[in-house]
C-alpha atoms as a PDB file:
ATOM      1  CA  UNK A   1     -20.047 -40.025  21.477  1.00  0.00           C
ATOM      2  CA  UNK A   2     -17.338 -39.284  23.858  1.00  0.00           C
ATOM      3  CA  UNK A   3     -14.433 -40.982  21.585  1.00  0.00           C
ATOM      4  CA  UNK A   4     -15.644 -39.116  18.478  1.00  0.00           C
ATOM      5  CA  UNK A   5     -15.629 -35.667  20.682  1.00  0.00           C
ATOM      6  CA  UNK A   6     -11.925 -36.532  21.927  1.00  0.00           C
ATOM      7  CA  UNK A   7     -10.891 -37.422  18.189  1.00  0.00           C
ATOM      8  CA  UNK A   8     -12.118 -33.987  16.961  1.00  0.00           C
ATOM      9  CA  UNK A   9     -10.322 -32.133  19.893  1.00  0.00           C
ATOM     10  CA  UNK A  10      -7.163 -34.081  18.704  1.00  0.00           C
ATOM     11  CA  UNK A  11      -7.796 -32.890  14.967  1.00  0.00           C
ATOM     12  CA  UNK A  12      -8.820 -29.529  15.951  1.00  0.00           C
ATOM     13  CA  UNK A  13      -5.379 -27.531  15.794  1.00  0.00           C
ATOM     14  CA  UNK A  14      -4.567 -29.536  12.191  1.00  0.00           C
ATOM     15  CA  UNK A  15      -8.206 -28.077  11.017  1.00  0.00           C
ATOM     16  CA  UNK A  16      -7.327 -24.559  12.216  1.00  0.00           C
ATOM     17  CA  UNK A  17      -3.822 -24.840  10.354  1.00  0.00           C
ATOM     18  CA  UNK A  18      -5.403 -25.994   7.309  1.00  0.00           C
ATOM     19  CA  UNK A  19      -7.872 -23.084   7.391  1.00  0.00           C
ATOM     20  CA  UNK A  20      -5.268 -20.407   8.173  1.00  0.00           C
ATOM     21  CA  UNK A  21      -3.053 -21.302   5.192  1.00  0.00           C
ATOM     22  CA  UNK A  22      -6.117 -21.767   3.022  1.00  0.00           C
ATOM     23  CA  UNK A  23      -7.073 -17.990   3.970  1.00  0.00           C
ATOM     24  CA  UNK A  24      -3.200 -16.761   3.611  1.00  0.00           C
ATOM     25  CA  UNK A  25      -2.800 -18.208   0.195  1.00  0.00           C
ATOM     26  CA  UNK A  26      -6.149 -17.360  -1.023  1.00  0.00           C
ATOM     27  CA  UNK A  27      -5.827 -13.455   0.310  1.00  0.00           C
ATOM     28  CA  UNK A  28      -2.445 -12.586   0.972  1.00  0.00           C
ATOM     29  CA  UNK A  29       0.270 -14.739  -0.425  1.00  0.00           C
ATOM     30  CA  UNK A  30       0.692 -17.154  -3.009  1.00  0.00           C
ATOM     31  CA  UNK A  31       3.632 -19.114  -4.672  1.00  0.00           C
ATOM     32  CA  UNK A  32       4.267 -18.474  -8.383  1.00  0.00           C
ATOM     33  CA  UNK A  33       6.864 -20.233 -10.619  1.00  0.00           C
ATOM     34  CA  UNK A  34       8.596 -18.198 -13.569  1.00  0.00           C
ATOM     35  CA  UNK A  35       7.846 -19.761 -16.798  1.00  0.00           C
ATOM     36  CA  UNK A  36      10.114 -18.727 -19.501  1.00  0.00           C
ATOM     37  CA  UNK A  37      13.257 -16.279 -20.020  1.00  0.00           C
ATOM     38  CA  UNK A  38      11.485 -12.920 -20.273  1.00  0.00           C
ATOM     39  CA  UNK A  39      12.686 -11.523 -16.914  1.00  0.00           C
ATOM     40  CA  UNK A  40      16.181 -12.650 -17.298  1.00  0.00           C
ATOM     41  CA  UNK A  41      18.472 -11.809 -15.890  1.00  0.00           C
ATOM     42  CA  UNK A  42      16.447 -10.608 -12.880  1.00  0.00           C
ATOM     43  CA  UNK A  43      14.358 -14.062 -12.702  1.00  0.00           C
ATOM     44  CA  UNK A  44      15.129 -17.185 -13.849  1.00  0.00           C
ATOM     45  CA  UNK A  45      12.899 -20.038 -15.812  1.00  0.00           C
ATOM     46  CA  UNK A  46      11.590 -22.196 -12.972  1.00  0.00           C
ATOM     47  CA  UNK A  47      12.434 -20.067 -10.040  1.00  0.00           C
ATOM     48  CA  UNK A  48       9.729 -20.005  -7.369  1.00  0.00           C
ATOM     49  CA  UNK A  49       8.497 -16.727  -6.105  1.00  0.00           C
ATOM     50  CA  UNK A  50       6.063 -15.543  -3.460  1.00  0.00           C
ATOM     51  CA  UNK A  51       3.305 -13.199  -4.957  1.00  0.00           C
ATOM     52  CA  UNK A  52       1.966 -10.558  -2.260  1.00  0.00           C
ATOM     53  CA  UNK A  53      -1.543 -10.072  -3.277  1.00  0.00           C
ATOM     54  CA  UNK A  54      -2.737  -7.459  -0.685  1.00  0.00           C
ATOM     55  CA  UNK A  55      -0.157  -4.420  -1.327  1.00  0.00           C
ATOM     56  CA  UNK A  56      -1.893  -2.686  -4.106  1.00  0.00           C
ATOM     57  CA  UNK A  57       0.522   0.238  -4.053  1.00  0.00           C
ATOM     58  CA  UNK A  58       2.017  -0.111  -7.422  1.00  0.00           C
ATOM     59  CA  UNK A  59       5.249   1.492  -8.140  1.00  0.00           C
ATOM     60  CA  UNK A  60       7.543   1.990 -11.193  1.00  0.00           C
ATOM     61  CA  UNK A  61      10.124  -1.163 -11.336  1.00  0.00           C
ATOM     62  CA  UNK A  62       7.808  -3.392  -9.181  1.00  0.00           C
ATOM     63  CA  UNK A  63       7.618  -6.738 -10.584  1.00  0.00           C
ATOM     64  CA  UNK A  64       3.996  -8.258 -11.006  1.00  0.00           C
ATOM     65  CA  UNK A  65       1.954 -10.772 -11.720  1.00  0.00           C
ATOM     66  CA  UNK A  66      -0.671 -10.403 -14.375  1.00  0.00           C
ATOM     67  CA  UNK A  67      -3.425 -12.512 -15.675  1.00  0.00           C
ATOM     68  CA  UNK A  68      -4.546 -12.419 -19.342  1.00  0.00           C
ATOM     69  CA  UNK A  69      -7.796 -13.574 -20.708  1.00  0.00           C
ATOM     70  CA  UNK A  70      -6.884 -16.782 -21.275  1.00  0.00           C
ATOM     71  CA  UNK A  71      -5.828 -17.345 -17.359  1.00  0.00           C
ATOM     72  CA  UNK A  72      -1.911 -17.307 -18.579  1.00  0.00           C
ATOM     73  CA  UNK A  73       0.325 -15.548 -15.901  1.00  0.00           C
ATOM     74  CA  UNK A  74       2.865 -13.291 -17.027  1.00  0.00           C
ATOM     75  CA  UNK A  75       5.660 -11.657 -14.782  1.00  0.00           C
ATOM     76  CA  UNK A  76       6.544  -8.243 -15.716  1.00  0.00           C
ATOM     77  CA  UNK A  77       8.218  -5.135 -14.577  1.00  0.00           C
ATOM     78  CA  UNK A  78       6.251  -1.690 -14.345  1.00  0.00           C
ATOM     79  CA  UNK A  79       7.636   1.134 -16.246  1.00  0.00           C
ATOM     80  CA  UNK A  80       4.894   3.220 -16.867  1.00  0.00           C
ATOM     81  CA  UNK A  81       2.447   4.547 -14.366  1.00  0.00           C
ATOM     82  CA  UNK A  82      -1.028   6.417 -14.777  1.00  0.00           C
ATOM     83  CA  UNK A  83      -0.771   9.756 -16.091  1.00  0.00           C
ATOM     84  CA  UNK A  84       2.613   9.246 -17.728  1.00  0.00           C
ATOM     85  CA  UNK A  85       4.247   9.579 -21.337  1.00  0.00           C
ATOM     86  CA  UNK A  86       6.829   6.853 -21.698  1.00  0.00           C
ATOM     87  CA  UNK A  87       9.222   6.522 -24.382  1.00  0.00           C
ATOM     88  CA  UNK A  88      12.721   4.949 -24.925  1.00  0.00           C
ATOM     89  CA  UNK A  89      15.245   6.528 -26.986  1.00  0.00           C
ATOM     90  CA  UNK A  90      18.679   5.394 -27.601  1.00  0.00           C
ATOM     91  CA  UNK A  91      18.340   2.580 -25.101  1.00  0.00           C
ATOM     92  CA  UNK A  92      17.236   5.455 -22.441  1.00  0.00           C
ATOM     93  CA  UNK A  93      13.897   5.451 -20.399  1.00  0.00           C
ATOM     94  CA  UNK A  94      12.228   8.904 -20.434  1.00  0.00           C
ATOM     95  CA  UNK A  95       9.279   9.551 -18.249  1.00  0.00           C
ATOM     96  CA  UNK A  96       7.347  12.779 -19.431  1.00  0.00           C
ATOM     97  CA  UNK A  97      10.502  14.074 -21.001  1.00  0.00           C
ATOM     98  CA  UNK A  98      13.031  13.328 -18.216  1.00  0.00           C
ATOM     99  CA  UNK A  99      15.697  10.719 -18.252  1.00  0.00           C
ATOM    100  CA  UNK A 100      15.063   7.766 -15.687  1.00  0.00           C
ATOM    101  CA  UNK A 101      17.344   5.323 -14.888  1.00  0.00           C
ATOM    102  CA  UNK A 102      16.337   1.740 -16.020  1.00  0.00           C
ATOM    103  CA  UNK A 103      19.064  -0.443 -14.489  1.00  0.00           C
ATOM    104  CA  UNK A 104      17.004  -3.853 -15.313  1.00  0.00           C
ATOM    105  CA  UNK A 105      17.448  -4.536 -19.122  1.00  0.00           C
ATOM    106  CA  UNK A 106      20.853  -4.102 -21.189  1.00  0.00           C
ATOM    107  CA  UNK A 107      19.225  -2.220 -23.851  1.00  0.00           C
ATOM    108  CA  UNK A 108      16.039  -1.317 -25.128  1.00  0.00           C
ATOM    109  CA  UNK A 109      15.028  -0.549 -28.559  1.00  0.00           C
ATOM    110  CA  UNK A 110      13.419   2.788 -29.221  1.00  0.00           C
ATOM    111  CA  UNK A 111       9.727   2.609 -28.269  1.00  0.00           C
ATOM    112  CA  UNK A 112       6.869   5.398 -27.816  1.00  0.00           C
ATOM    113  CA  UNK A 113       3.441   5.398 -25.934  1.00  0.00           C
ATOM    114  CA  UNK A 114       2.020   5.726 -29.427  1.00  0.00           C
ATOM    115  CA  UNK A 115       3.449   2.709 -30.621  1.00  0.00           C
ATOM    116  CA  UNK A 116       0.411   1.045 -28.560  1.00  0.00           C
ATOM    117  CA  UNK A 117      -1.924   3.431 -30.114  1.00  0.00           C
ATOM    118  CA  UNK A 118      -1.978   6.699 -31.835  1.00  0.00           C
ATOM    119  CA  UNK A 119      -4.481   8.439 -29.743  1.00  0.00           C
ATOM    120  CA  UNK A 120      -2.176   7.812 -26.441  1.00  0.00           C
ATOM    121  CA  UNK A 121      -0.634  10.902 -25.028  1.00  0.00           C
ATOM    122  CA  UNK A 122      -0.189   9.537 -21.652  1.00  0.00           C
ATOM    123  CA  UNK A 123      -0.874   6.365 -19.776  1.00  0.00           C
ATOM    124  CA  UNK A 124      -4.785   6.195 -18.754  1.00  0.00           C
ATOM    125  CA  UNK A 125      -6.075   6.046 -15.266  1.00  0.00           C
ATOM    126  CA  UNK A 126      -6.211   2.442 -14.042  1.00  0.00           C
ATOM    127  CA  UNK A 127      -3.725   1.162 -16.730  1.00  0.00           C
ATOM    128  CA  UNK A 128       0.238   0.328 -16.573  1.00  0.00           C
ATOM    129  CA  UNK A 129       3.295   0.140 -19.352  1.00  0.00           C
ATOM    130  CA  UNK A 130       5.041  -3.323 -18.222  1.00  0.00           C
ATOM    131  CA  UNK A 131       7.980  -4.653 -20.029  1.00  0.00           C
ATOM    132  CA  UNK A 132       9.981  -8.029 -19.208  1.00  0.00           C
ATOM    133  CA  UNK A 133      13.774  -7.433 -18.151  1.00  0.00           C
ATOM    134  CA  UNK A 134      14.876  -9.422 -21.564  1.00  0.00           C
ATOM    135  CA  UNK A 135      13.561  -6.848 -23.813  1.00  0.00           C
ATOM    136  CA  UNK A 136      14.432  -8.975 -26.767  1.00  0.00           C
ATOM    137  CA  UNK A 137      12.424 -11.815 -25.611  1.00  0.00           C
ATOM    138  CA  UNK A 138       9.396 -10.557 -23.835  1.00  0.00           C
ATOM    139  CA  UNK A 139       5.583 -10.504 -24.387  1.00  0.00           C
ATOM    140  CA  UNK A 140       4.678  -7.142 -22.727  1.00  0.00           C
ATOM    141  CA  UNK A 141       2.894  -3.720 -23.353  1.00  0.00           C
ATOM    142  CA  UNK A 142       4.901  -3.467 -26.583  1.00  0.00           C
ATOM    143  CA  UNK A 143       2.905  -6.238 -28.064  1.00  0.00           C
ATOM    144  CA  UNK A 144      -0.293  -6.715 -25.612  1.00  0.00           C
ATOM    145  CA  UNK A 145      -0.696  -3.248 -24.870  1.00  0.00           C
ATOM    146  CA  UNK A 146      -1.392  -1.506 -21.852  1.00  0.00           C
ATOM    147  CA  UNK A 147      -2.269  -3.634 -18.699  1.00  0.00           C
ATOM    148  CA  UNK A 148      -5.325  -2.907 -16.523  1.00  0.00           C
ATOM    149  CA  UNK A 149      -4.818  -2.429 -12.792  1.00  0.00           C
ATOM    150  CA  UNK A 150      -7.679  -5.389 -12.403  1.00  0.00           C
ATOM    151  CA  UNK A 151      -5.547  -7.636 -14.507  1.00  0.00           C
ATOM    152  CA  UNK A 152      -2.506  -7.266 -11.928  1.00  0.00           C
ATOM    153  CA  UNK A 153      -2.810 -10.094  -9.398  1.00  0.00           C
ATOM    154  CA  UNK A 154      -0.111  -8.505  -7.018  1.00  0.00           C
ATOM    155  CA  UNK A 155       3.593  -7.703  -6.487  1.00  0.00           C
ATOM    156  CA  UNK A 156       6.706 -10.455  -6.058  1.00  0.00           C
ATOM    157  CA  UNK A 157       8.402  -9.636  -2.762  1.00  0.00           C
ATOM    158  CA  UNK A 158      10.962 -12.258  -2.632  1.00  0.00           C
ATOM    159  CA  UNK A 159      12.207 -15.649  -4.170  1.00  0.00           C
ATOM    160  CA  UNK A 160      11.300 -19.027  -2.273  1.00  0.00           C
ATOM    161  CA  UNK A 161      13.652 -20.893  -4.393  1.00  0.00           C
ATOM    162  CA  UNK A 162      16.536 -20.751  -5.015  1.00  0.00           C
ATOM    163  CA  UNK A 163      16.619 -18.729  -1.864  1.00  0.00           C
ATOM    164  CA  UNK A 164      17.598 -14.954  -2.277  1.00  0.00           C
ATOM    165  CA  UNK A 165      16.239 -11.917  -1.878  1.00  0.00           C
ATOM    166  CA  UNK A 166      14.968 -10.078  -5.022  1.00  0.00           C
ATOM    167  CA  UNK A 167      16.640  -6.778  -5.256  1.00  0.00           C
ATOM    168  CA  UNK A 168      14.415  -3.937  -6.023  1.00  0.00           C
ATOM    169  CA  UNK A 169      11.131  -6.081  -5.626  1.00  0.00           C
END
């Protein structure tokens, strides 16, 4: 019995480390792998990122991970917030009729909130308009509609591999 207790004492630090890692990964941070080119040039295919699950203060231009019905994960950039009217005209982003500088895409084709639904006059509470930075090759709000806040798993804060800080994330 004494040998068992001594063995358990030796294993205790490792057990604690494993429990702490599981708690951190479950509730705070988890790695995410970029799949595809929809966020180019900001993010590249197979880039490994760290998802911040606890910071739920979503802002324009945050990069977020969202989960679709089939458990598919998408990485997109928040463009429109609840209560806003969003449109792109001649490659420029307009929020509530005012130009907002969008440095993340080379060009965005004309797009109006009503293209998602004719009844929309503004983004409803609890929903977000998200776009990929590679606007010509992205499944985003223009095709799948507005995103429910509950479907946003968290924000990307930095890149794990390759090692570099993601600007504006």
